[in-house]
Amino acid sequence: MDHASFSCVVRADKPDAAIYLDALTALESAPRASLFVGDGSSDELAGAERLGMKAILIRAEDDDGTFPGRIAPSDWHGAAVSQLADVCQFIEAGSSRSQGC
């Protein structure tokens, strides 16, 4: 992991654009060139998309989505994976970030 953005440091919580922009700035990446992967809590996926990022729901097959504040899988119409390794299919071949896949 190249950078971690903590809400207590940034003084913003997801889905506030500031938390995403903190990470993007540190990574020297533009929103349209970035993927956000999350479990759908706190409207984080829609927040990432509003900023122009590609958002991917990650939900383990045994997770029924009943955790409070988490989006129901049936309410998410974007990309979804059940394990982190599956995110690799969304990373462009030749990208400098694709080397770990």
Protein backbone atom coordinates (compact mmCIF):
# COMPACT_ATOMS: atom_id res chain seq x y z
CA MET A 1 0.00 0.00 0.00
CA ASP A 2 1.48 3.31 -1.05
CA HIS A 3 -0.71 5.60 1.08
CA ALA A 4 -3.44 5.41 3.69
CA SER A 5 -5.92 8.25 4.22
CA PHE A 6 -7.45 8.39 7.68
CA SER A 7 -10.60 10.40 8.32
CA CYS A 8 -9.24 11.61 11.67
CA VAL A 9 -6.24 13.18 9.88
CA VAL A 10 -8.08 14.47 6.81
CA ARG A 11 -11.04 15.53 8.97
CA ALA A 12 -13.51 14.15 6.46
CA ASP A 13 -15.44 10.90 6.23
CA LYS A 14 -16.54 8.93 3.19
CA PRO A 15 -18.29 9.94 0.98
CA ASP A 16 -16.83 13.46 1.37
CA ALA A 17 -14.62 14.17 -1.65
CA ALA A 18 -11.78 15.34 0.62
CA ILE A 19 -10.97 11.82 1.83
CA TYR A 20 -10.66 10.50 -1.72
CA LEU A 21 -8.73 13.58 -2.89
CA ASP A 22 -6.23 13.14 -0.05
CA ALA A 23 -5.38 9.64 -1.28
CA LEU A 24 -5.38 10.66 -4.94
CA THR A 25 -3.05 13.59 -4.26
CA ALA A 26 -0.61 11.42 -2.31
CA LEU A 27 -0.67 8.82 -5.09
CA GLU A 28 -0.39 11.50 -7.78
CA SER A 29 -3.38 10.02 -9.56
CA ALA A 30 -6.42 11.54 -11.23
CA PRO A 31 -9.87 10.28 -10.27
CA ARG A 32 -10.60 8.97 -13.78
CA ALA A 33 -7.37 6.92 -13.67
CA SER A 34 -8.22 5.33 -10.30
CA LEU A 35 -10.23 2.44 -8.88
CA PHE A 36 -11.97 2.54 -5.52
CA VAL A 37 -12.72 -0.86 -4.01
CA GLY A 38 -14.97 -1.05 -0.98
CA ASP A 39 -17.68 -3.04 0.78
CA GLY A 40 -20.28 -0.37 0.15
CA SER A 41 -20.45 1.10 3.64
CA SER A 42 -21.12 4.80 4.20
CA ASP A 43 -22.12 5.51 0.59
CA GLU A 44 -18.42 5.18 -0.28
CA LEU A 45 -18.95 3.68 -3.74
CA ALA A 46 -21.28 6.44 -4.91
CA GLY A 47 -18.92 9.02 -3.36
CA ALA A 48 -16.01 7.66 -5.38
CA GLU A 49 -18.10 7.66 -8.55
CA ARG A 50 -19.25 11.26 -8.00
CA LEU A 51 -15.58 12.24 -8.01
CA GLY A 52 -15.04 10.37 -11.29
CA MET A 53 -13.42 7.21 -9.95
CA LYS A 54 -14.39 3.71 -11.05
CA ALA A 55 -15.97 2.01 -8.02
CA ILE A 56 -16.01 -1.72 -7.39
CA LEU A 57 -18.03 -3.47 -4.71
CA ILE A 58 -16.11 -6.21 -2.91
CA ARG A 59 -18.29 -8.61 -1.01
CA ALA A 60 -17.28 -12.05 0.16
CA GLU A 61 -19.68 -14.75 -0.99
CA ASP A 62 -20.70 -15.49 2.61
CA ASP A 63 -21.42 -11.81 3.43
CA ASP A 64 -25.18 -11.30 3.36
CA GLY A 65 -24.88 -7.49 3.37
CA THR A 66 -26.88 -6.96 6.54
CA PHE A 67 -24.15 -4.97 8.32
CA PRO A 68 -25.67 -1.57 9.24
CA GLY A 69 -24.86 1.18 6.76
CA ARG A 70 -23.69 -1.20 4.05
CA ILE A 71 -25.25 -1.16 0.61
CA ALA A 72 -27.29 -4.22 -0.32
CA PRO A 73 -25.71 -6.09 -3.24
CA SER A 74 -29.03 -5.82 -5.11
CA ASP A 75 -28.81 -2.01 -4.86
CA TRP A 76 -25.37 -1.86 -6.49
CA HIS A 77 -25.41 -1.88 -10.29
CA GLY A 78 -21.69 -1.42 -10.90
CA ALA A 79 -18.77 -3.83 -10.96
CA ALA A 80 -18.56 -6.34 -8.13
CA VAL A 81 -16.02 -8.94 -7.01
CA SER A 82 -15.90 -11.49 -4.23
CA GLN A 83 -12.13 -11.46 -3.66
CA LEU A 84 -9.43 -8.83 -4.03
CA ALA A 85 -7.54 -10.78 -6.71
CA ASP A 86 -10.57 -10.35 -8.98
CA VAL A 87 -9.96 -6.58 -9.10
CA CYS A 88 -7.02 -7.24 -11.45
CA GLN A 89 -9.41 -7.69 -14.37
CA PHE A 90 -10.34 -4.00 -14.05
CA ILE A 91 -6.76 -2.74 -14.21
CA GLU A 92 -5.55 -1.87 -17.67
CA ALA A 93 -2.75 -4.03 -19.03
CA GLY A 94 0.42 -2.00 -19.14
CA SER A 95 -0.58 0.24 -16.24
CA SER A 96 2.22 0.88 -13.79
CA ARG A 97 -0.19 -0.24 -11.03
CA SER A 98 -0.99 -3.59 -12.68
CA GLN A 99 2.30 -5.21 -11.75
CA GLY A 100 0.96 -6.66 -8.49
CA CYS A 101 -1.80 -8.60 -10.22
